[in-house]
Amino acid sequence: AGLNDRDVVEMVVEDAPAAIARLVELGVPFNTEGNTLHLTREGGHS
């Protein structure tokens, strides 16, 4: 509802793929579909 700090939001969103990659390295067994990670959708996400 506009109360976020856009600079912080951008920093976190842009760091997300690398954070997932580090968790894969640590051995988190994320669900896959073929040879990519399976993605689900939740409320509020486009």
ModelCIF file with pLDDT and N, C-alpha, C, O atoms, coordinates in Angstrom:
data_MODEL
#
_entry.id   MODEL 
#
_entity.id                         1 
_entity.type                       polymer 
_entity.pdbx_number_of_molecules   1 
#
_entity_poly.entity_id                      1 
_entity_poly.type                           'polypeptide(L)' 
_entity_poly.nstd_linkage                   no 
_entity_poly.nstd_monomer                   no 
_entity_poly.pdbx_seq_one_letter_code       AGLNDRDVVEMVVEDAPAAIARLVELGVPFNTEGNTLHLTREGGHS 
_entity_poly.pdbx_seq_one_letter_code_can   AGLNDRDVVEMVVEDAPAAIARLVELGVPFNTEGNTLHLTREGGHS 
_entity_poly.pdbx_strand_id                 A 
#
loop_
_entity_poly_seq.entity_id 
_entity_poly_seq.num 
_entity_poly_seq.mon_id 
_entity_poly_seq.hetero 
1 1  ALA n 
1 2  GLY n 
1 3  LEU n 
1 4  ASN n 
1 5  ASP n 
1 6  ARG n 
1 7  ASP n 
1 8  VAL n 
1 9  VAL n 
1 10 GLU n 
1 11 MET n 
1 12 VAL n 
1 13 VAL n 
1 14 GLU n 
1 15 ASP n 
1 16 ALA n 
1 17 PRO n 
1 18 ALA n 
1 19 ALA n 
1 20 ILE n 
1 21 ALA n 
1 22 ARG n 
1 23 LEU n 
1 24 VAL n 
1 25 GLU n 
1 26 LEU n 
1 27 GLY n 
1 28 VAL n 
1 29 PRO n 
1 30 PHE n 
1 31 ASN n 
1 32 THR n 
1 33 GLU n 
1 34 GLY n 
1 35 ASN n 
1 36 THR n 
1 37 LEU n 
1 38 HIS n 
1 39 LEU n 
1 40 THR n 
1 41 ARG n 
1 42 GLU n 
1 43 GLY n 
1 44 GLY n 
1 45 HIS n 
1 46 SER n 
#
_struct_asym.id          A 
_struct_asym.entity_id   1 
#
loop_
_ma_qa_metric.id 
_ma_qa_metric.mode 
_ma_qa_metric.name 
_ma_qa_metric.software_group_id 
_ma_qa_metric.type 
1 global pLDDT . pLDDT 
2 local  pLDDT . pLDDT 
#
_ma_qa_metric_global.metric_id      1 
_ma_qa_metric_global.metric_value   94.20 
_ma_qa_metric_global.model_id       1 
_ma_qa_metric_global.ordinal_id     1 
#
loop_
_ma_qa_metric_local.label_asym_id 
_ma_qa_metric_local.label_comp_id 
_ma_qa_metric_local.label_seq_id 
_ma_qa_metric_local.metric_id 
_ma_qa_metric_local.metric_value 
_ma_qa_metric_local.model_id 
_ma_qa_metric_local.ordinal_id 
A ALA 1  2 94.00 1 1  
A GLY 2  2 94.00 1 2  
A LEU 3  2 97.00 1 3  
A ASN 4  2 97.00 1 4  
A ASP 5  2 97.00 1 5  
A ARG 6  2 97.00 1 6  
A ASP 7  2 97.00 1 7  
A VAL 8  2 98.00 1 8  
A VAL 9  2 98.00 1 9  
A GLU 10 2 98.00 1 10 
A MET 11 2 97.00 1 11 
A VAL 12 2 97.00 1 12 
A VAL 13 2 97.00 1 13 
A GLU 14 2 97.00 1 14 
A ASP 15 2 96.00 1 15 
A ALA 16 2 96.00 1 16 
A PRO 17 2 95.00 1 17 
A ALA 18 2 96.00 1 18 
A ALA 19 2 95.00 1 19 
A ILE 20 2 96.00 1 20 
A ALA 21 2 96.00 1 21 
A ARG 22 2 95.00 1 22 
A LEU 23 2 96.00 1 23 
A VAL 24 2 96.00 1 24 
A GLU 25 2 96.00 1 25 
A LEU 26 2 95.00 1 26 
A GLY 27 2 95.00 1 27 
A VAL 28 2 96.00 1 28 
A PRO 29 2 95.00 1 29 
A PHE 30 2 96.00 1 30 
A ASN 31 2 95.00 1 31 
A THR 32 2 95.00 1 32 
A GLU 33 2 93.00 1 33 
A GLY 34 2 91.00 1 34 
A ASN 35 2 89.00 1 35 
A THR 36 2 93.00 1 36 
A LEU 37 2 95.00 1 37 
A HIS 38 2 95.00 1 38 
A LEU 39 2 94.00 1 39 
A THR 40 2 91.00 1 40 
A ARG 41 2 86.00 1 41 
A GLU 42 2 83.00 1 42 
A GLY 43 2 79.00 1 43 
A GLY 44 2 85.00 1 44 
A HIS 45 2 92.00 1 45 
A SER 46 2 92.00 1 46 
#
loop_
_atom_site.group_PDB 
_atom_site.id 
_atom_site.type_symbol 
_atom_site.label_atom_id 
_atom_site.label_alt_id 
_atom_site.label_comp_id 
_atom_site.label_asym_id 
_atom_site.label_entity_id 
_atom_site.label_seq_id 
_atom_site.pdbx_PDB_ins_code 
_atom_site.Cartn_x 
_atom_site.Cartn_y 
_atom_site.Cartn_z 
_atom_site.occupancy 
_atom_site.B_iso_or_equiv 
_atom_site.pdbx_formal_charge 
_atom_site.auth_seq_id 
_atom_site.auth_comp_id 
_atom_site.auth_asym_id 
_atom_site.auth_atom_id 
_atom_site.pdbx_PDB_model_num 
ATOM 1   N N  . ALA A 1 1  ? 0.821  -1.218  0.000   1.00 94.00 ? 1  ALA A N  1 
ATOM 2   C CA . ALA A 1 1  ? 0.000  0.000   0.000   1.00 94.00 ? 1  ALA A CA 1 
ATOM 3   C C  . ALA A 1 1  ? 0.856  1.269   0.000   1.00 94.00 ? 1  ALA A C  1 
ATOM 4   O O  . ALA A 1 1  ? 0.516  2.262   0.643   1.00 94.00 ? 1  ALA A O  1 
ATOM 5   N N  . GLY A 1 2  ? 1.971  1.217   -0.733  1.00 94.00 ? 2  GLY A N  1 
ATOM 6   C CA . GLY A 1 2  ? 2.797  2.410   -0.915  1.00 94.00 ? 2  GLY A CA 1 
ATOM 7   C C  . GLY A 1 2  ? 3.662  2.777   0.265   1.00 94.00 ? 2  GLY A C  1 
ATOM 8   O O  . GLY A 1 2  ? 4.379  3.777   0.212   1.00 94.00 ? 2  GLY A O  1 
ATOM 9   N N  . LEU A 1 3  ? 3.616  1.988   1.339   1.00 97.00 ? 3  LEU A N  1 
ATOM 10  C CA . LEU A 1 3  ? 4.417  2.317   2.529   1.00 97.00 ? 3  LEU A CA 1 
ATOM 11  C C  . LEU A 1 3  ? 5.830  1.731   2.427   1.00 97.00 ? 3  LEU A C  1 
ATOM 12  O O  . LEU A 1 3  ? 6.687  2.026   3.260   1.00 97.00 ? 3  LEU A O  1 
ATOM 13  N N  . ASN A 1 4  ? 6.070  0.908   1.414   1.00 97.00 ? 4  ASN A N  1 
ATOM 14  C CA . ASN A 1 4  ? 7.403  0.307   1.257   1.00 97.00 ? 4  ASN A CA 1 
ATOM 15  C C  . ASN A 1 4  ? 8.425  1.351   0.829   1.00 97.00 ? 4  ASN A C  1 
ATOM 16  O O  . ASN A 1 4  ? 8.070  2.409   0.309   1.00 97.00 ? 4  ASN A O  1 
ATOM 17  N N  . ASP A 1 5  ? 9.702  1.040   1.055   1.00 97.00 ? 5  ASP A N  1 
ATOM 18  C CA . ASP A 1 5  ? 10.811 1.843   0.549   1.00 97.00 ? 5  ASP A CA 1 
ATOM 19  C C  . ASP A 1 5  ? 11.248 1.213   -0.777  1.00 97.00 ? 5  ASP A C  1 
ATOM 20  O O  . ASP A 1 5  ? 11.824 0.125   -0.788  1.00 97.00 ? 5  ASP A O  1 
ATOM 21  N N  . ARG A 1 6  ? 10.974 1.899   -1.895  1.00 97.00 ? 6  ARG A N  1 
ATOM 22  C CA . ARG A 1 6  ? 11.203 1.305   -3.218  1.00 97.00 ? 6  ARG A CA 1 
ATOM 23  C C  . ARG A 1 6  ? 12.654 0.846   -3.397  1.00 97.00 ? 6  ARG A C  1 
ATOM 24  O O  . ARG A 1 6  ? 12.889 -0.206  -3.992  1.00 97.00 ? 6  ARG A O  1 
ATOM 25  N N  . ASP A 1 7  ? 13.632 1.610   -2.895  1.00 97.00 ? 7  ASP A N  1 
ATOM 26  C CA . ASP A 1 7  ? 15.041 1.221   -3.051  1.00 97.00 ? 7  ASP A CA 1 
ATOM 27  C C  . ASP A 1 7  ? 15.311 -0.130  -2.386  1.00 97.00 ? 7  ASP A C  1 
ATOM 28  O O  . ASP A 1 7  ? 16.032 -0.968  -2.927  1.00 97.00 ? 7  ASP A O  1 
ATOM 29  N N  . VAL A 1 8  ? 14.726 -0.324  -1.218  1.00 98.00 ? 8  VAL A N  1 
ATOM 30  C CA . VAL A 1 8  ? 14.912 -1.592  -0.493  1.00 98.00 ? 8  VAL A CA 1 
ATOM 31  C C  . VAL A 1 8  ? 14.220 -2.730  -1.243  1.00 98.00 ? 8  VAL A C  1 
ATOM 32  O O  . VAL A 1 8  ? 14.778 -3.818  -1.388  1.00 98.00 ? 8  VAL A O  1 
ATOM 33  N N  . VAL A 1 9  ? 13.007 -2.471  -1.715  1.00 98.00 ? 9  VAL A N  1 
ATOM 34  C CA . VAL A 1 9  ? 12.267 -3.492  -2.474  1.00 98.00 ? 9  VAL A CA 1 
ATOM 35  C C  . VAL A 1 9  ? 13.087 -3.935  -3.692  1.00 98.00 ? 9  VAL A C  1 
ATOM 36  O O  . VAL A 1 9  ? 13.210 -5.128  -3.967  1.00 98.00 ? 9  VAL A O  1 
ATOM 37  N N  . GLU A 1 10 ? 13.643 -2.963  -4.412  1.00 98.00 ? 10 GLU A N  1 
ATOM 38  C CA . GLU A 1 10 ? 14.445 -3.299  -5.599  1.00 98.00 ? 10 GLU A CA 1 
ATOM 39  C C  . GLU A 1 10 ? 15.673 -4.126  -5.224  1.00 98.00 ? 10 GLU A C  1 
ATOM 40  O O  . GLU A 1 10 ? 16.009 -5.093  -5.908  1.00 98.00 ? 10 GLU A O  1 
ATOM 41  N N  . MET A 1 11 ? 16.339 -3.742  -4.136  1.00 97.00 ? 11 MET A N  1 
ATOM 42  C CA . MET A 1 11 ? 17.525 -4.483  -3.687  1.00 97.00 ? 11 MET A CA 1 
ATOM 43  C C  . MET A 1 11 ? 17.180 -5.946  -3.381  1.00 97.00 ? 11 MET A C  1 
ATOM 44  O O  . MET A 1 11 ? 17.887 -6.859  -3.807  1.00 97.00 ? 11 MET A O  1 
ATOM 45  N N  . VAL A 1 12 ? 16.095 -6.156  -2.645  1.00 97.00 ? 12 VAL A N  1 
ATOM 46  C CA . VAL A 1 12 ? 15.715 -7.515  -2.237  1.00 97.00 ? 12 VAL A CA 1 
ATOM 47  C C  . VAL A 1 12 ? 15.283 -8.353  -3.440  1.00 97.00 ? 12 VAL A C  1 
ATOM 48  O O  . VAL A 1 12 ? 15.694 -9.505  -3.584  1.00 97.00 ? 12 VAL A O  1 
ATOM 49  N N  . VAL A 1 13 ? 14.460 -7.770  -4.293  1.00 97.00 ? 13 VAL A N  1 
ATOM 50  C CA . VAL A 1 13 ? 13.950 -8.485  -5.476  1.00 97.00 ? 13 VAL A CA 1 
ATOM 51  C C  . VAL A 1 13 ? 15.110 -8.887  -6.402  1.00 97.00 ? 13 VAL A C  1 
ATOM 52  O O  . VAL A 1 13 ? 15.135 -9.997  -6.936  1.00 97.00 ? 13 VAL A O  1 
ATOM 53  N N  . GLU A 1 14 ? 16.061 -7.972  -6.581  1.00 97.00 ? 14 GLU A N  1 
ATOM 54  C CA . GLU A 1 14 ? 17.181 -8.260  -7.480  1.00 97.00 ? 14 GLU A CA 1 
ATOM 55  C C  . GLU A 1 14 ? 18.141 -9.280  -6.890  1.00 97.00 ? 14 GLU A C  1 
ATOM 56  O O  . GLU A 1 14 ? 18.839 -9.975  -7.629  1.00 97.00 ? 14 GLU A O  1 
ATOM 57  N N  . ASP A 1 15 ? 18.183 -9.379  -5.556  1.00 96.00 ? 15 ASP A N  1 
ATOM 58  C CA . ASP A 1 15 ? 19.054 -10.373 -4.904  1.00 96.00 ? 15 ASP A CA 1 
ATOM 59  C C  . ASP A 1 15 ? 18.416 -11.763 -4.839  1.00 96.00 ? 15 ASP A C  1 
ATOM 60  O O  . ASP A 1 15 ? 19.094 -12.746 -4.540  1.00 96.00 ? 15 ASP A O  1 
ATOM 61  N N  . ALA A 1 16 ? 17.097 -11.843 -5.121  1.00 96.00 ? 16 ALA A N  1 
ATOM 62  C CA . ALA A 1 16 ? 16.366 -13.099 -4.895  1.00 96.00 ? 16 ALA A CA 1 
ATOM 63  C C  . ALA A 1 16 ? 16.911 -14.289 -5.686  1.00 96.00 ? 16 ALA A C  1 
ATOM 64  O O  . ALA A 1 16 ? 17.143 -15.339 -5.087  1.00 96.00 ? 16 ALA A O  1 
ATOM 65  N N  . PRO A 1 17 ? 17.129 -14.179 -7.008  1.00 95.00 ? 17 PRO A N  1 
ATOM 66  C CA . PRO A 1 17 ? 17.607 -15.354 -7.747  1.00 95.00 ? 17 PRO A CA 1 
ATOM 67  C C  . PRO A 1 17 ? 18.927 -15.917 -7.196  1.00 95.00 ? 17 PRO A C  1 
ATOM 68  O O  . PRO A 1 17 ? 19.119 -17.132 -7.149  1.00 95.00 ? 17 PRO A O  1 
ATOM 69  N N  . ALA A 1 18 ? 19.836 -15.013 -6.777  1.00 96.00 ? 18 ALA A N  1 
ATOM 70  C CA . ALA A 1 18 ? 21.115 -15.463 -6.211  1.00 96.00 ? 18 ALA A CA 1 
ATOM 71  C C  . ALA A 1 18 ? 20.904 -16.158 -4.860  1.00 96.00 ? 18 ALA A C  1 
ATOM 72  O O  . ALA A 1 18 ? 21.593 -17.125 -4.537  1.00 96.00 ? 18 ALA A O  1 
ATOM 73  N N  . ALA A 1 19 ? 19.948 -15.653 -4.078  1.00 95.00 ? 19 ALA A N  1 
ATOM 74  C CA . ALA A 1 19 ? 19.650 -16.288 -2.778  1.00 95.00 ? 19 ALA A CA 1 
ATOM 75  C C  . ALA A 1 19 ? 19.137 -17.714 -2.988  1.00 95.00 ? 19 ALA A C  1 
ATOM 76  O O  . ALA A 1 19 ? 19.509 -18.624 -2.247  1.00 95.00 ? 19 ALA A O  1 
ATOM 77  N N  . ILE A 1 20 ? 18.280 -17.908 -4.001  1.00 96.00 ? 20 ILE A N  1 
ATOM 78  C CA . ILE A 1 20 ? 17.771 -19.249 -4.319  1.00 96.00 ? 20 ILE A CA 1 
ATOM 79  C C  . ILE A 1 20 ? 18.923 -20.160 -4.739  1.00 96.00 ? 20 ILE A C  1 
ATOM 80  O O  . ILE A 1 20 ? 19.003 -21.315 -4.319  1.00 96.00 ? 20 ILE A O  1 
ATOM 81  N N  . ALA A 1 21 ? 19.817 -19.619 -5.579  1.00 96.00 ? 21 ALA A N  1 
ATOM 82  C CA . ALA A 1 21 ? 20.969 -20.417 -6.049  1.00 96.00 ? 21 ALA A CA 1 
ATOM 83  C C  . ALA A 1 21 ? 21.833 -20.890 -4.873  1.00 96.00 ? 21 ALA A C  1 
ATOM 84  O O  . ALA A 1 21 ? 22.317 -22.022 -4.871  1.00 96.00 ? 21 ALA A O  1 
ATOM 85  N N  . ARG A 1 22 ? 22.023 -20.017 -3.872  1.00 95.00 ? 22 ARG A N  1 
ATOM 86  C CA . ARG A 1 22 ? 22.836 -20.417 -2.706  1.00 95.00 ? 22 ARG A CA 1 
ATOM 87  C C  . ARG A 1 22 ? 22.142 -21.510 -1.898  1.00 95.00 ? 22 ARG A C  1 
ATOM 88  O O  . ARG A 1 22 ? 22.799 -22.395 -1.350  1.00 95.00 ? 22 ARG A O  1 
ATOM 89  N N  . LEU A 1 23 ? 20.812 -21.446 -1.824  1.00 96.00 ? 23 LEU A N  1 
ATOM 90  C CA . LEU A 1 23 ? 20.071 -22.492 -1.103  1.00 96.00 ? 23 LEU A CA 1 
ATOM 91  C C  . LEU A 1 23 ? 20.154 -23.821 -1.846  1.00 96.00 ? 23 LEU A C  1 
ATOM 92  O O  . LEU A 1 23 ? 20.240 -24.877 -1.218  1.00 96.00 ? 23 LEU A O  1 
ATOM 93  N N  . VAL A 1 24 ? 20.130 -23.779 -3.179  1.00 96.00 ? 24 VAL A N  1 
ATOM 94  C CA . VAL A 1 24 ? 20.297 -25.003 -3.970  1.00 96.00 ? 24 VAL A CA 1 
ATOM 95  C C  . VAL A 1 24 ? 21.667 -25.607 -3.668  1.00 96.00 ? 24 VAL A C  1 
ATOM 96  O O  . VAL A 1 24 ? 21.796 -26.821 -3.510  1.00 96.00 ? 24 VAL A O  1 
ATOM 97  N N  . GLU A 1 25 ? 22.700 -24.744 -3.587  1.00 96.00 ? 25 GLU A N  1 
ATOM 98  C CA . GLU A 1 25 ? 24.058 -25.209 -3.247  1.00 96.00 ? 25 GLU A CA 1 
ATOM 99  C C  . GLU A 1 25 ? 24.090 -25.871 -1.871  1.00 96.00 ? 25 GLU A C  1 
ATOM 100 O O  . GLU A 1 25 ? 24.805 -26.850 -1.657  1.00 96.00 ? 25 GLU A O  1 
ATOM 101 N N  . LEU A 1 26 ? 23.298 -25.317 -0.931  1.00 95.00 ? 26 LEU A N  1 
ATOM 102 C CA . LEU A 1 26 ? 23.254 -25.891 0.424   1.00 95.00 ? 26 LEU A CA 1 
ATOM 103 C C  . LEU A 1 26 ? 22.480 -27.208 0.459   1.00 95.00 ? 26 LEU A C  1 
ATOM 104 O O  . LEU A 1 26 ? 22.462 -27.894 1.482   1.00 95.00 ? 26 LEU A O  1 
ATOM 105 N N  . GLY A 1 27 ? 21.840 -27.560 -0.656  1.00 95.00 ? 27 GLY A N  1 
ATOM 106 C CA . GLY A 1 27 ? 21.147 -28.849 -0.727  1.00 95.00 ? 27 GLY A CA 1 
ATOM 107 C C  . GLY A 1 27 ? 19.663 -28.801 -0.449  1.00 95.00 ? 27 GLY A C  1 
ATOM 108 O O  . GLY A 1 27 ? 19.062 -29.831 -0.144  1.00 95.00 ? 27 GLY A O  1 
ATOM 109 N N  . VAL A 1 28 ? 19.046 -27.611 -0.548  1.00 96.00 ? 28 VAL A N  1 
ATOM 110 C CA . VAL A 1 28 ? 17.587 -27.552 -0.383  1.00 96.00 ? 28 VAL A CA 1 
ATOM 111 C C  . VAL A 1 28 ? 16.945 -28.194 -1.622  1.00 96.00 ? 28 VAL A C  1 
ATOM 112 O O  . VAL A 1 28 ? 17.171 -27.732 -2.741  1.00 96.00 ? 28 VAL A O  1 
ATOM 113 N N  . PRO A 1 29 ? 16.147 -29.253 -1.432  1.00 95.00 ? 29 PRO A N  1 
ATOM 114 C CA . PRO A 1 29 ? 15.617 -30.023 -2.575  1.00 95.00 ? 29 PRO A CA 1 
ATOM 115 C C  . PRO A 1 29 ? 14.354 -29.412 -3.174  1.00 95.00 ? 29 PRO A C  1 
ATOM 116 O O  . PRO A 1 29 ? 13.277 -30.004 -3.100  1.00 95.00 ? 29 PRO A O  1 
ATOM 117 N N  . PHE A 1 30 ? 14.489 -28.223 -3.770  1.00 96.00 ? 30 PHE A N  1 
ATOM 118 C CA . PHE A 1 30 ? 13.323 -27.560 -4.356  1.00 96.00 ? 30 PHE A CA 1 
ATOM 119 C C  . PHE A 1 30 ? 12.673 -28.435 -5.427  1.00 96.00 ? 30 PHE A C  1 
ATOM 120 O O  . PHE A 1 30 ? 13.355 -29.169 -6.142  1.00 96.00 ? 30 PHE A O  1 
ATOM 121 N N  . ASN A 1 31 ? 11.344 -28.347 -5.528  1.00 95.00 ? 31 ASN A N  1 
ATOM 122 C CA . ASN A 1 31 ? 10.623 -29.096 -6.571  1.00 95.00 ? 31 ASN A CA 1 
ATOM 123 C C  . ASN A 1 31 ? 11.059 -28.604 -7.948  1.00 95.00 ? 31 ASN A C  1 
ATOM 124 O O  . ASN A 1 31 ? 11.233 -27.405 -8.167  1.00 95.00 ? 31 ASN A O  1 
ATOM 125 N N  . THR A 1 32 ? 11.232 -29.549 -8.872  1.00 95.00 ? 32 THR A N  1 
ATOM 126 C CA . THR A 1 32 ? 11.642 -29.185 -10.230 1.00 95.00 ? 32 THR A CA 1 
ATOM 127 C C  . THR A 1 32 ? 10.604 -29.670 -11.233 1.00 95.00 ? 32 THR A C  1 
ATOM 128 O O  . THR A 1 32 ? 9.770  -30.529 -10.946 1.00 95.00 ? 32 THR A O  1 
ATOM 129 N N  . GLU A 1 33 ? 10.691 -29.088 -12.409 1.00 93.00 ? 33 GLU A N  1 
ATOM 130 C CA . GLU A 1 33 ? 9.828  -29.479 -13.517 1.00 93.00 ? 33 GLU A CA 1 
ATOM 131 C C  . GLU A 1 33 ? 10.764 -29.576 -14.712 1.00 93.00 ? 33 GLU A C  1 
ATOM 132 O O  . GLU A 1 33 ? 11.217 -28.554 -15.227 1.00 93.00 ? 33 GLU A O  1 
ATOM 133 N N  . GLY A 1 34 ? 11.061 -30.799 -15.162 1.00 91.00 ? 34 GLY A N  1 
ATOM 134 C CA . GLY A 1 34 ? 12.117 -30.964 -16.169 1.00 91.00 ? 34 GLY A CA 1 
ATOM 135 C C  . GLY A 1 34 ? 13.424 -30.570 -15.508 1.00 91.00 ? 34 GLY A C  1 
ATOM 136 O O  . GLY A 1 34 ? 13.741 -31.069 -14.428 1.00 91.00 ? 34 GLY A O  1 
ATOM 137 N N  . ASN A 1 35 ? 14.192 -29.680 -16.134 1.00 89.00 ? 35 ASN A N  1 
ATOM 138 C CA . ASN A 1 35 ? 15.459 -29.280 -15.504 1.00 89.00 ? 35 ASN A CA 1 
ATOM 139 C C  . ASN A 1 35 ? 15.406 -27.851 -14.952 1.00 89.00 ? 35 ASN A C  1 
ATOM 140 O O  . ASN A 1 35 ? 16.445 -27.225 -14.746 1.00 89.00 ? 35 ASN A O  1 
ATOM 141 N N  . THR A 1 36 ? 14.183 -27.332 -14.712 1.00 93.00 ? 36 THR A N  1 
ATOM 142 C CA . THR A 1 36 ? 14.064 -26.017 -14.069 1.00 93.00 ? 36 THR A CA 1 
ATOM 143 C C  . THR A 1 36 ? 13.287 -26.163 -12.764 1.00 93.00 ? 36 THR A C  1 
ATOM 144 O O  . THR A 1 36 ? 12.619 -27.171 -12.534 1.00 93.00 ? 36 THR A O  1 
ATOM 145 N N  . LEU A 1 37 ? 13.386 -25.137 -11.910 1.00 95.00 ? 37 LEU A N  1 
ATOM 146 C CA . LEU A 1 37 ? 12.660 -25.151 -10.635 1.00 95.00 ? 37 LEU A CA 1 
ATOM 147 C C  . LEU A 1 37 ? 11.169 -24.989 -10.911 1.00 95.00 ? 37 LEU A C  1 
ATOM 148 O O  . LEU A 1 37 ? 10.763 -24.173 -11.739 1.00 95.00 ? 37 LEU A O  1 
ATOM 149 N N  . HIS A 1 38 ? 10.355 -25.785 -10.199 1.00 95.00 ? 38 HIS A N  1 
ATOM 150 C CA . HIS A 1 38 ? 8.896  -25.629 -10.343 1.00 95.00 ? 38 HIS A CA 1 
ATOM 151 C C  . HIS A 1 38 ? 8.463  -24.369 -9.597  1.00 95.00 ? 38 HIS A C  1 
ATOM 152 O O  . HIS A 1 38 ? 8.873  -24.143 -8.458  1.00 95.00 ? 38 HIS A O  1 
ATOM 153 N N  . LEU A 1 39 ? 7.638  -23.559 -10.239 1.00 94.00 ? 39 LEU A N  1 
ATOM 154 C CA . LEU A 1 39 ? 7.170  -22.312 -9.640  1.00 94.00 ? 39 LEU A CA 1 
ATOM 155 C C  . LEU A 1 39 ? 5.664  -22.388 -9.424  1.00 94.00 ? 39 LEU A C  1 
ATOM 156 O O  . LEU A 1 39 ? 4.917  -22.805 -10.310 1.00 94.00 ? 39 LEU A O  1 
ATOM 157 N N  . THR A 1 40 ? 5.228  -21.977 -8.232  1.00 91.00 ? 40 THR A N  1 
ATOM 158 C CA . THR A 1 40 ? 3.792  -21.896 -7.984  1.00 91.00 ? 40 THR A CA 1 
ATOM 159 C C  . THR A 1 40 ? 3.419  -20.420 -7.860  1.00 91.00 ? 40 THR A C  1 
ATOM 160 O O  . THR A 1 40 ? 4.292  -19.554 -7.798  1.00 91.00 ? 40 THR A O  1 
ATOM 161 N N  . ARG A 1 41 ? 2.115  -20.142 -7.824  1.00 86.00 ? 41 ARG A N  1 
ATOM 162 C CA . ARG A 1 41 ? 1.652  -18.755 -7.757  1.00 86.00 ? 41 ARG A CA 1 
ATOM 163 C C  . ARG A 1 41 ? 0.876  -18.555 -6.461  1.00 86.00 ? 41 ARG A C  1 
ATOM 164 O O  . ARG A 1 41 ? 0.192  -19.464 -5.990  1.00 86.00 ? 41 ARG A O  1 
ATOM 165 N N  . GLU A 1 42 ? 0.988  -17.375 -5.897  1.00 83.00 ? 42 GLU A N  1 
ATOM 166 C CA . GLU A 1 42 ? 0.241  -17.062 -4.683  1.00 83.00 ? 42 GLU A CA 1 
ATOM 167 C C  . GLU A 1 42 ? -0.436 -15.714 -4.817  1.00 83.00 ? 42 GLU A C  1 
ATOM 168 O O  . GLU A 1 42 ? -0.133 -14.938 -5.724  1.00 83.00 ? 42 GLU A O  1 
ATOM 169 N N  . GLY A 1 43 ? -1.362 -15.440 -3.897  1.00 79.00 ? 43 GLY A N  1 
ATOM 170 C CA . GLY A 1 43 ? -2.139 -14.197 -3.946  1.00 79.00 ? 43 GLY A CA 1 
ATOM 171 C C  . GLY A 1 43 ? -1.249 -12.965 -4.003  1.00 79.00 ? 43 GLY A C  1 
ATOM 172 O O  . GLY A 1 43 ? -0.246 -12.881 -3.294  1.00 79.00 ? 43 GLY A O  1 
ATOM 173 N N  . GLY A 1 44 ? -1.619 -12.008 -4.851  1.00 85.00 ? 44 GLY A N  1 
ATOM 174 C CA . GLY A 1 44 ? -0.872 -10.759 -4.956  1.00 85.00 ? 44 GLY A CA 1 
ATOM 175 C C  . GLY A 1 44 ? 0.256  -10.793 -5.972  1.00 85.00 ? 44 GLY A C  1 
ATOM 176 O O  . GLY A 1 44 ? 0.775  -9.742  -6.348  1.00 85.00 ? 44 GLY A O  1 
ATOM 177 N N  . HIS A 1 45 ? 0.652  -11.990 -6.429  1.00 92.00 ? 45 HIS A N  1 
ATOM 178 C CA . HIS A 1 45 ? 1.717  -12.106 -7.429  1.00 92.00 ? 45 HIS A CA 1 
ATOM 179 C C  . HIS A 1 45 ? 1.115  -12.141 -8.836  1.00 92.00 ? 45 HIS A C  1 
ATOM 180 O O  . HIS A 1 45 ? 0.132  -12.841 -9.080  1.00 92.00 ? 45 HIS A O  1 
ATOM 181 N N  . SER A 1 46 ? 1.712  -11.382 -9.756  1.00 92.00 ? 46 SER A N  1 
ATOM 182 C CA . SER A 1 46 ? 1.208  -11.333 -11.129 1.00 92.00 ? 46 SER A CA 1 
ATOM 183 C C  . SER A 1 46 ? 1.733  -12.494 -11.974 1.00 92.00 ? 46 SER A C  1 
ATOM 184 O O  . SER A 1 46 ? 1.401  -12.597 -13.155 1.00 92.00 ? 46 SER A O  1 
#
